[in-house]
C-alpha atoms as a PDB file:
ATOM      1  CA  UNK A   1      38.730  48.094 -22.220  1.00  0.00           C
ATOM      2  CA  UNK A   2      39.257  45.884 -25.254  1.00  0.00           C
ATOM      3  CA  UNK A   3      36.642  43.759 -27.004  1.00  0.00           C
ATOM      4  CA  UNK A   4      37.906  40.520 -25.431  1.00  0.00           C
ATOM      5  CA  UNK A   5      37.473  41.897 -21.914  1.00  0.00           C
ATOM      6  CA  UNK A   6      33.974  43.099 -22.679  1.00  0.00           C
ATOM      7  CA  UNK A   7      33.040  39.665 -23.980  1.00  0.00           C
ATOM      8  CA  UNK A   8      34.501  38.003 -20.872  1.00  0.00           C
ATOM      9  CA  UNK A   9      32.460  40.279 -18.595  1.00  0.00           C
ATOM     10  CA  UNK A  10      29.319  39.578 -20.619  1.00  0.00           C
ATOM     11  CA  UNK A  11      29.912  35.833 -20.478  1.00  0.00           C
ATOM     12  CA  UNK A  12      30.481  36.055 -16.715  1.00  0.00           C
ATOM     13  CA  UNK A  13      27.257  38.001 -16.252  1.00  0.00           C
ATOM     14  CA  UNK A  14      25.367  35.432 -18.307  1.00  0.00           C
ATOM     15  CA  UNK A  15      26.836  32.636 -16.174  1.00  0.00           C
ATOM     16  CA  UNK A  16      25.762  34.339 -12.935  1.00  0.00           C
ATOM     17  CA  UNK A  17      22.291  34.982 -14.318  1.00  0.00           C
ATOM     18  CA  UNK A  18      21.944  31.353 -15.381  1.00  0.00           C
ATOM     19  CA  UNK A  19      23.162  30.116 -11.999  1.00  0.00           C
ATOM     20  CA  UNK A  20      20.756  32.395 -10.136  1.00  0.00           C
ATOM     21  CA  UNK A  21      17.921  31.197 -12.349  1.00  0.00           C
ATOM     22  CA  UNK A  22      18.814  27.558 -11.665  1.00  0.00           C
ATOM     23  CA  UNK A  23      18.842  28.213  -7.917  1.00  0.00           C
ATOM     24  CA  UNK A  24      15.449  29.917  -8.083  1.00  0.00           C
ATOM     25  CA  UNK A  25      13.984  27.048 -10.108  1.00  0.00           C
ATOM     26  CA  UNK A  26      15.329  24.494  -7.621  1.00  0.00           C
ATOM     27  CA  UNK A  27      14.018  26.520  -4.683  1.00  0.00           C
ATOM     28  CA  UNK A  28      10.571  26.801  -6.262  1.00  0.00           C
ATOM     29  CA  UNK A  29      10.501  23.048  -6.931  1.00  0.00           C
ATOM     30  CA  UNK A  30      11.516  22.344  -3.320  1.00  0.00           C
ATOM     31  CA  UNK A  31       8.758  24.566  -1.943  1.00  0.00           C
ATOM     32  CA  UNK A  32       6.163  22.888  -4.148  1.00  0.00           C
ATOM     33  CA  UNK A  33       7.398  19.463  -3.029  1.00  0.00           C
ATOM     34  CA  UNK A  34       7.294  20.439   0.655  1.00  0.00           C
ATOM     35  CA  UNK A  35       3.790  21.828   0.250  1.00  0.00           C
ATOM     36  CA  UNK A  36       2.594  18.764  -1.662  1.00  0.00           C
ATOM     37  CA  UNK A  37       3.911  16.425   1.028  1.00  0.00           C
ATOM     38  CA  UNK A  38       2.160  18.440   3.748  1.00  0.00           C
ATOM     39  CA  UNK A  39      -1.201  18.525   1.951  1.00  0.00           C
ATOM     40  CA  UNK A  40      -0.961  14.806   1.219  1.00  0.00           C
ATOM     41  CA  UNK A  41      -0.174  14.124   4.889  1.00  0.00           C
ATOM     42  CA  UNK A  42      -3.200  16.164   5.978  1.00  0.00           C
ATOM     43  CA  UNK A  43      -5.426  14.221   3.590  1.00  0.00           C
ATOM     44  CA  UNK A  44      -4.140  10.757   4.440  1.00  0.00           C
ATOM     45  CA  UNK A  45      -4.205  11.488   8.187  1.00  0.00           C
ATOM     46  CA  UNK A  46      -7.810  12.716   7.797  1.00  0.00           C
ATOM     47  CA  UNK A  47      -6.922  16.229   9.010  1.00  0.00           C
ATOM     48  CA  UNK A  48      -8.718  17.188   5.801  1.00  0.00           C
ATOM     49  CA  UNK A  49     -11.918  15.242   5.221  1.00  0.00           C
ATOM     50  CA  UNK A  50     -13.306  14.285   1.822  1.00  0.00           C
ATOM     51  CA  UNK A  51     -14.906  17.309   0.191  1.00  0.00           C
ATOM     52  CA  UNK A  52     -12.949  19.797   2.334  1.00  0.00           C
ATOM     53  CA  UNK A  53     -11.720  22.963   0.610  1.00  0.00           C
ATOM     54  CA  UNK A  54      -7.993  23.696   0.568  1.00  0.00           C
ATOM     55  CA  UNK A  55      -7.431  27.102   2.179  1.00  0.00           C
ATOM     56  CA  UNK A  56      -4.444  28.181   0.105  1.00  0.00           C
ATOM     57  CA  UNK A  57      -3.772  31.414   2.010  1.00  0.00           C
ATOM     58  CA  UNK A  58      -3.909  29.750   5.438  1.00  0.00           C
ATOM     59  CA  UNK A  59      -1.671  26.902   4.323  1.00  0.00           C
ATOM     60  CA  UNK A  60       0.841  29.294   2.750  1.00  0.00           C
ATOM     61  CA  UNK A  61       0.932  31.351   5.954  1.00  0.00           C
ATOM     62  CA  UNK A  62       1.425  28.253   8.113  1.00  0.00           C
ATOM     63  CA  UNK A  63       4.297  27.030   5.956  1.00  0.00           C
ATOM     64  CA  UNK A  64       5.794  30.519   5.657  1.00  0.00           C
ATOM     65  CA  UNK A  65       5.715  30.531   1.857  1.00  0.00           C
ATOM     66  CA  UNK A  66       3.889  32.380  -0.897  1.00  0.00           C
ATOM     67  CA  UNK A  67       0.635  31.170  -2.376  1.00  0.00           C
ATOM     68  CA  UNK A  68       2.266  30.139  -5.681  1.00  0.00           C
ATOM     69  CA  UNK A  69       3.871  26.882  -4.480  1.00  0.00           C
ATOM     70  CA  UNK A  70       0.620  25.939  -2.725  1.00  0.00           C
ATOM     71  CA  UNK A  71      -1.287  26.370  -5.972  1.00  0.00           C
ATOM     72  CA  UNK A  72       1.272  24.285  -7.907  1.00  0.00           C
ATOM     73  CA  UNK A  73       1.208  21.562  -5.256  1.00  0.00           C
ATOM     74  CA  UNK A  74      -2.570  21.416  -5.474  1.00  0.00           C
ATOM     75  CA  UNK A  75      -2.412  21.050  -9.253  1.00  0.00           C
ATOM     76  CA  UNK A  76      -0.024  18.110  -8.827  1.00  0.00           C
ATOM     77  CA  UNK A  77      -2.344  16.473  -6.317  1.00  0.00           C
ATOM     78  CA  UNK A  78      -5.232  16.831  -8.756  1.00  0.00           C
ATOM     79  CA  UNK A  79      -3.172  14.759 -11.191  1.00  0.00           C
ATOM     80  CA  UNK A  80      -2.478  12.255  -8.393  1.00  0.00           C
ATOM     81  CA  UNK A  81      -6.205  11.828  -7.803  1.00  0.00           C
ATOM     82  CA  UNK A  82      -6.281  13.264  -4.272  1.00  0.00           C
ATOM     83  CA  UNK A  83      -7.749  16.694  -5.057  1.00  0.00           C
ATOM     84  CA  UNK A  84     -10.291  18.039  -7.519  1.00  0.00           C
ATOM     85  CA  UNK A  85     -10.979  21.530  -8.825  1.00  0.00           C
ATOM     86  CA  UNK A  86     -14.310  23.313  -8.829  1.00  0.00           C
ATOM     87  CA  UNK A  87     -14.855  26.276 -11.135  1.00  0.00           C
ATOM     88  CA  UNK A  88     -14.236  29.596  -9.374  1.00  0.00           C
ATOM     89  CA  UNK A  89     -14.068  27.864  -5.992  1.00  0.00           C
ATOM     90  CA  UNK A  90     -10.582  26.371  -5.807  1.00  0.00           C
ATOM     91  CA  UNK A  91      -9.249  22.969  -4.790  1.00  0.00           C
ATOM     92  CA  UNK A  92     -11.108  20.386  -2.738  1.00  0.00           C
ATOM     93  CA  UNK A  93     -10.215  16.992  -1.293  1.00  0.00           C
ATOM     94  CA  UNK A  94     -11.635  14.491  -3.722  1.00  0.00           C
ATOM     95  CA  UNK A  95     -14.841  12.837  -2.584  1.00  0.00           C
ATOM     96  CA  UNK A  96     -15.156   9.271  -3.795  1.00  0.00           C
ATOM     97  CA  UNK A  97     -18.469   7.691  -4.642  1.00  0.00           C
ATOM     98  CA  UNK A  98     -19.192   4.145  -3.513  1.00  0.00           C
ATOM     99  CA  UNK A  99     -18.766   2.967  -7.127  1.00  0.00           C
ATOM    100  CA  UNK A 100     -15.310   4.573  -7.314  1.00  0.00           C
ATOM    101  CA  UNK A 101     -14.252   2.865  -4.088  1.00  0.00           C
ATOM    102  CA  UNK A 102     -15.463  -0.513  -5.352  1.00  0.00           C
ATOM    103  CA  UNK A 103     -13.622   0.032  -8.651  1.00  0.00           C
ATOM    104  CA  UNK A 104     -10.430   0.780  -6.702  1.00  0.00           C
ATOM    105  CA  UNK A 105     -10.804  -2.470  -4.770  1.00  0.00           C
ATOM    106  CA  UNK A 106     -11.223  -4.443  -8.005  1.00  0.00           C
ATOM    107  CA  UNK A 107      -8.185  -2.805  -9.587  1.00  0.00           C
ATOM    108  CA  UNK A 108      -6.090  -3.378  -6.479  1.00  0.00           C
ATOM    109  CA  UNK A 109      -7.208  -7.021  -6.412  1.00  0.00           C
ATOM    110  CA  UNK A 110      -5.844  -7.545  -9.922  1.00  0.00           C
ATOM    111  CA  UNK A 111      -2.563  -5.833  -9.108  1.00  0.00           C
ATOM    112  CA  UNK A 112      -2.147  -7.794  -5.903  1.00  0.00           C
ATOM    113  CA  UNK A 113      -2.664 -11.062  -7.792  1.00  0.00           C
ATOM    114  CA  UNK A 114       0.251 -10.089 -10.032  1.00  0.00           C
ATOM    115  CA  UNK A 115       2.228  -8.942  -6.984  1.00  0.00           C
ATOM    116  CA  UNK A 116       1.640 -12.335  -5.351  1.00  0.00           C
ATOM    117  CA  UNK A 117       3.117 -14.167  -8.321  1.00  0.00           C
ATOM    118  CA  UNK A 118       6.211 -11.964  -8.254  1.00  0.00           C
ATOM    119  CA  UNK A 119       6.795 -11.644  -4.523  1.00  0.00           C
ATOM    120  CA  UNK A 120       6.861 -15.409  -4.009  1.00  0.00           C
ATOM    121  CA  UNK A 121       9.831 -15.524  -6.400  1.00  0.00           C
ATOM    122  CA  UNK A 122      11.732 -12.453  -5.220  1.00  0.00           C
ATOM    123  CA  UNK A 123      11.070 -11.960  -1.493  1.00  0.00           C
ATOM    124  CA  UNK A 124      14.186 -12.065   0.699  1.00  0.00           C
ATOM    125  CA  UNK A 125      14.459 -13.659   4.131  1.00  0.00           C
ATOM    126  CA  UNK A 126      14.756 -10.196   5.667  1.00  0.00           C
ATOM    127  CA  UNK A 127      11.611  -8.960   3.896  1.00  0.00           C
ATOM    128  CA  UNK A 128       9.715 -12.078   4.953  1.00  0.00           C
ATOM    129  CA  UNK A 129      10.725 -11.550   8.573  1.00  0.00           C
ATOM    130  CA  UNK A 130       9.603  -7.923   8.360  1.00  0.00           C
ATOM    131  CA  UNK A 131       6.206  -9.000   7.024  1.00  0.00           C
ATOM    132  CA  UNK A 132       5.779 -11.442   9.910  1.00  0.00           C
ATOM    133  CA  UNK A 133       6.722  -8.710  12.395  1.00  0.00           C
ATOM    134  CA  UNK A 134       4.074  -6.393  10.940  1.00  0.00           C
ATOM    135  CA  UNK A 135       1.406  -9.089  11.220  1.00  0.00           C
ATOM    136  CA  UNK A 136       2.328  -9.553  14.887  1.00  0.00           C
ATOM    137  CA  UNK A 137       2.231  -5.788  15.434  1.00  0.00           C
ATOM    138  CA  UNK A 138      -1.240  -5.652  13.863  1.00  0.00           C
ATOM    139  CA  UNK A 139      -2.397  -8.376  16.240  1.00  0.00           C
ATOM    140  CA  UNK A 140      -1.129  -6.300  19.155  1.00  0.00           C
ATOM    141  CA  UNK A 141      -2.926  -3.204  17.847  1.00  0.00           C
ATOM    142  CA  UNK A 142      -6.132  -5.196  17.423  1.00  0.00           C
ATOM    143  CA  UNK A 143      -5.987  -6.538  20.964  1.00  0.00           C
ATOM    144  CA  UNK A 144      -5.524  -2.991  22.293  1.00  0.00           C
ATOM    145  CA  UNK A 145      -8.375  -1.772  20.107  1.00  0.00           C
ATOM    146  CA  UNK A 146      -6.037   0.728  18.423  1.00  0.00           C
ATOM    147  CA  UNK A 147      -7.737   0.971  15.023  1.00  0.00           C
ATOM    148  CA  UNK A 148      -5.574   3.861  13.831  1.00  0.00           C
ATOM    149  CA  UNK A 149      -2.367   1.943  14.483  1.00  0.00           C
ATOM    150  CA  UNK A 150      -3.858  -1.155  12.861  1.00  0.00           C
ATOM    151  CA  UNK A 151      -4.742   0.763   9.703  1.00  0.00           C
ATOM    152  CA  UNK A 152      -1.320   2.439   9.522  1.00  0.00           C
ATOM    153  CA  UNK A 153       0.384  -0.945   9.837  1.00  0.00           C
ATOM    154  CA  UNK A 154      -2.054  -2.398   7.315  1.00  0.00           C
ATOM    155  CA  UNK A 155      -0.999   0.229   4.762  1.00  0.00           C
ATOM    156  CA  UNK A 156       2.698  -0.431   5.498  1.00  0.00           C
ATOM    157  CA  UNK A 157       2.176  -4.181   5.128  1.00  0.00           C
ATOM    158  CA  UNK A 158       0.655  -3.873   1.669  1.00  0.00           C
ATOM    159  CA  UNK A 159       3.319  -1.405   0.562  1.00  0.00           C
ATOM    160  CA  UNK A 160       6.037  -3.782   1.784  1.00  0.00           C
ATOM    161  CA  UNK A 161       4.456  -6.661  -0.145  1.00  0.00           C
ATOM    162  CA  UNK A 162       4.564  -4.700  -3.391  1.00  0.00           C
ATOM    163  CA  UNK A 163       8.108  -3.466  -2.762  1.00  0.00           C
ATOM    164  CA  UNK A 164       9.199  -7.087  -2.300  1.00  0.00           C
ATOM    165  CA  UNK A 165       8.095  -7.878  -5.876  1.00  0.00           C
ATOM    166  CA  UNK A 166      11.240  -6.074  -7.063  1.00  0.00           C
ATOM    167  CA  UNK A 167       9.133  -4.402  -9.782  1.00  0.00           C
ATOM    168  CA  UNK A 168       9.492  -0.623  -9.617  1.00  0.00           C
ATOM    169  CA  UNK A 169       6.681   0.159 -12.043  1.00  0.00           C
ATOM    170  CA  UNK A 170       4.227  -2.059 -10.193  1.00  0.00           C
ATOM    171  CA  UNK A 171       5.283  -0.360  -6.965  1.00  0.00           C
ATOM    172  CA  UNK A 172       4.629   3.110  -8.415  1.00  0.00           C
ATOM    173  CA  UNK A 173       1.201   2.193  -9.795  1.00  0.00           C
ATOM    174  CA  UNK A 174       0.106   0.482  -6.598  1.00  0.00           C
ATOM    175  CA  UNK A 175       1.176   3.349  -4.331  1.00  0.00           C
ATOM    176  CA  UNK A 176      -0.929   5.757  -6.375  1.00  0.00           C
ATOM    177  CA  UNK A 177      -3.968   3.509  -6.007  1.00  0.00           C
ATOM    178  CA  UNK A 178      -3.271   3.021  -2.301  1.00  0.00           C
ATOM    179  CA  UNK A 179      -3.262   6.781  -1.728  1.00  0.00           C
ATOM    180  CA  UNK A 180      -6.611   7.116  -3.486  1.00  0.00           C
ATOM    181  CA  UNK A 181      -7.980   4.266  -1.407  1.00  0.00           C
ATOM    182  CA  UNK A 182      -7.000   6.036   1.806  1.00  0.00           C
ATOM    183  CA  UNK A 183      -9.251   8.978   0.899  1.00  0.00           C
ATOM    184  CA  UNK A 184     -12.138   7.140   2.504  1.00  0.00           C
ATOM    185  CA  UNK A 185     -12.297   5.866   6.034  1.00  0.00           C
ATOM    186  CA  UNK A 186     -12.027   2.100   6.149  1.00  0.00           C
ATOM    187  CA  UNK A 187     -15.042   1.687   8.388  1.00  0.00           C
ATOM    188  CA  UNK A 188     -15.115  -2.035   7.537  1.00  0.00           C
ATOM    189  CA  UNK A 189     -11.880  -2.524   9.521  1.00  0.00           C
ATOM    190  CA  UNK A 190     -12.999  -0.628  12.616  1.00  0.00           C
ATOM    191  CA  UNK A 191     -14.617  -3.528  14.484  1.00  0.00           C
ATOM    192  CA  UNK A 192     -12.561  -6.118  16.321  1.00  0.00           C
ATOM    193  CA  UNK A 193     -13.917  -9.079  14.311  1.00  0.00           C
ATOM    194  CA  UNK A 194     -13.171  -7.305  11.014  1.00  0.00           C
ATOM    195  CA  UNK A 195      -9.588  -6.543  12.086  1.00  0.00           C
ATOM    196  CA  UNK A 196      -9.178 -10.146  13.216  1.00  0.00           C
ATOM    197  CA  UNK A 197     -10.400 -11.454   9.839  1.00  0.00           C
ATOM    198  CA  UNK A 198      -8.160  -9.048   7.955  1.00  0.00           C
ATOM    199  CA  UNK A 199      -5.055 -10.031   9.899  1.00  0.00           C
ATOM    200  CA  UNK A 200      -5.850 -13.737   9.581  1.00  0.00           C
ATOM    201  CA  UNK A 201      -5.736 -13.135   5.824  1.00  0.00           C
ATOM    202  CA  UNK A 202      -2.424 -11.275   6.231  1.00  0.00           C
ATOM    203  CA  UNK A 203      -0.954 -14.288   8.013  1.00  0.00           C
ATOM    204  CA  UNK A 204      -2.170 -16.581   5.222  1.00  0.00           C
ATOM    205  CA  UNK A 205      -0.496 -14.314   2.674  1.00  0.00           C
ATOM    206  CA  UNK A 206       2.851 -14.485   4.471  1.00  0.00           C
ATOM    207  CA  UNK A 207       2.603 -18.285   4.778  1.00  0.00           C
ATOM    208  CA  UNK A 208       1.854 -18.575   1.050  1.00  0.00           C
ATOM    209  CA  UNK A 209       4.812 -16.352   0.159  1.00  0.00           C
ATOM    210  CA  UNK A 210       7.099 -18.310   2.484  1.00  0.00           C
ATOM    211  CA  UNK A 211       6.135 -21.516   0.656  1.00  0.00           C
ATOM    212  CA  UNK A 212       7.401 -19.921  -2.582  1.00  0.00           C
ATOM    213  CA  UNK A 213       4.198 -21.053  -4.279  1.00  0.00           C
ATOM    214  CA  UNK A 214       3.455 -18.260  -6.784  1.00  0.00           C
ATOM    215  CA  UNK A 215      -0.057 -19.457  -7.633  1.00  0.00           C
ATOM    216  CA  UNK A 216      -1.046 -19.796  -3.995  1.00  0.00           C
ATOM    217  CA  UNK A 217       0.432 -16.410  -3.085  1.00  0.00           C
ATOM    218  CA  UNK A 218      -1.367 -14.756  -6.016  1.00  0.00           C
ATOM    219  CA  UNK A 219      -4.745 -16.254  -5.094  1.00  0.00           C
ATOM    220  CA  UNK A 220      -4.324 -15.450  -1.392  1.00  0.00           C
ATOM    221  CA  UNK A 221      -3.411 -11.816  -2.031  1.00  0.00           C
ATOM    222  CA  UNK A 222      -6.233 -11.281  -4.509  1.00  0.00           C
ATOM    223  CA  UNK A 223      -8.729 -12.894  -2.131  1.00  0.00           C
ATOM    224  CA  UNK A 224      -7.618 -10.588   0.693  1.00  0.00           C
ATOM    225  CA  UNK A 225      -8.441  -7.458  -1.313  1.00  0.00           C
ATOM    226  CA  UNK A 226     -11.789  -8.894  -2.402  1.00  0.00           C
ATOM    227  CA  UNK A 227     -12.590  -9.735   1.212  1.00  0.00           C
ATOM    228  CA  UNK A 228     -11.733  -6.138   2.071  1.00  0.00           C
ATOM    229  CA  UNK A 229     -14.221  -5.016  -0.557  1.00  0.00           C
ATOM    230  CA  UNK A 230     -16.862  -7.257   1.007  1.00  0.00           C
ATOM    231  CA  UNK A 231     -16.149  -5.718   4.421  1.00  0.00           C
ATOM    232  CA  UNK A 232     -16.470  -2.263   2.939  1.00  0.00           C
ATOM    233  CA  UNK A 233     -19.774  -3.071   1.274  1.00  0.00           C
ATOM    234  CA  UNK A 234     -21.147  -4.554   4.492  1.00  0.00           C
ATOM    235  CA  UNK A 235     -20.367  -1.282   6.240  1.00  0.00           C
ATOM    236  CA  UNK A 236     -21.432   1.053   3.425  1.00  0.00           C
ATOM    237  CA  UNK A 237     -21.132   4.661   4.448  1.00  0.00           C
ATOM    238  CA  UNK A 238     -24.061   6.808   3.315  1.00  0.00           C
ATOM    239  CA  UNK A 239     -21.880   9.877   2.791  1.00  0.00           C
ATOM    240  CA  UNK A 240     -19.964   8.117   0.019  1.00  0.00           C
ATOM    241  CA  UNK A 241     -23.078   7.668  -2.093  1.00  0.00           C
ATOM    242  CA  UNK A 242     -24.036  10.444  -4.507  1.00  0.00           C
END
């Protein structure tokens, strides 16, 4: 075999090795992503309560994967603010203090004021109709006393508002804060009167946006978050206090 042939075989082997490596990297990334999505779902659906330890071995076995992707997913969720690490003990669902919850409300209030200014300028007729439909659906959930459905729709409503701003960076920042906020149970929205007040504010937000009045929409959206903070404080949960 001549030198040229040897070089061709070597180059081919290098190409195969590189391709195999790329496939393995992509597979590992996919497993981490799948695991991260599942852990996040368990946290946001309250299958894992605040302060609960992540059982890496059990989760890996349930998903049919090795422990490595679980560990990497947990590290990513620490960065996202949903998990925390404890020395020599592993990963735990982050437990928010009352002060941290209040700070989140204040930060969200500021972001929603900005969102209100933008959404009044950029919202489409289709998006506006969708917002009205969600408000009606929340009324139906309230009447049935379905607090879980109300809270799920509430989260979708706020996400849709921010998406309608047509500002991708604002959307990304807000969704991160919204996930952190869902770490605690919104006990202030559990009662019928509280849900009624919250949805009355939702309806006012949609009316302000429909008027295309940026200042009014901004003030209405900020006020809604601050009213949510007031509801939370009136139903302070002892377990959130250090």
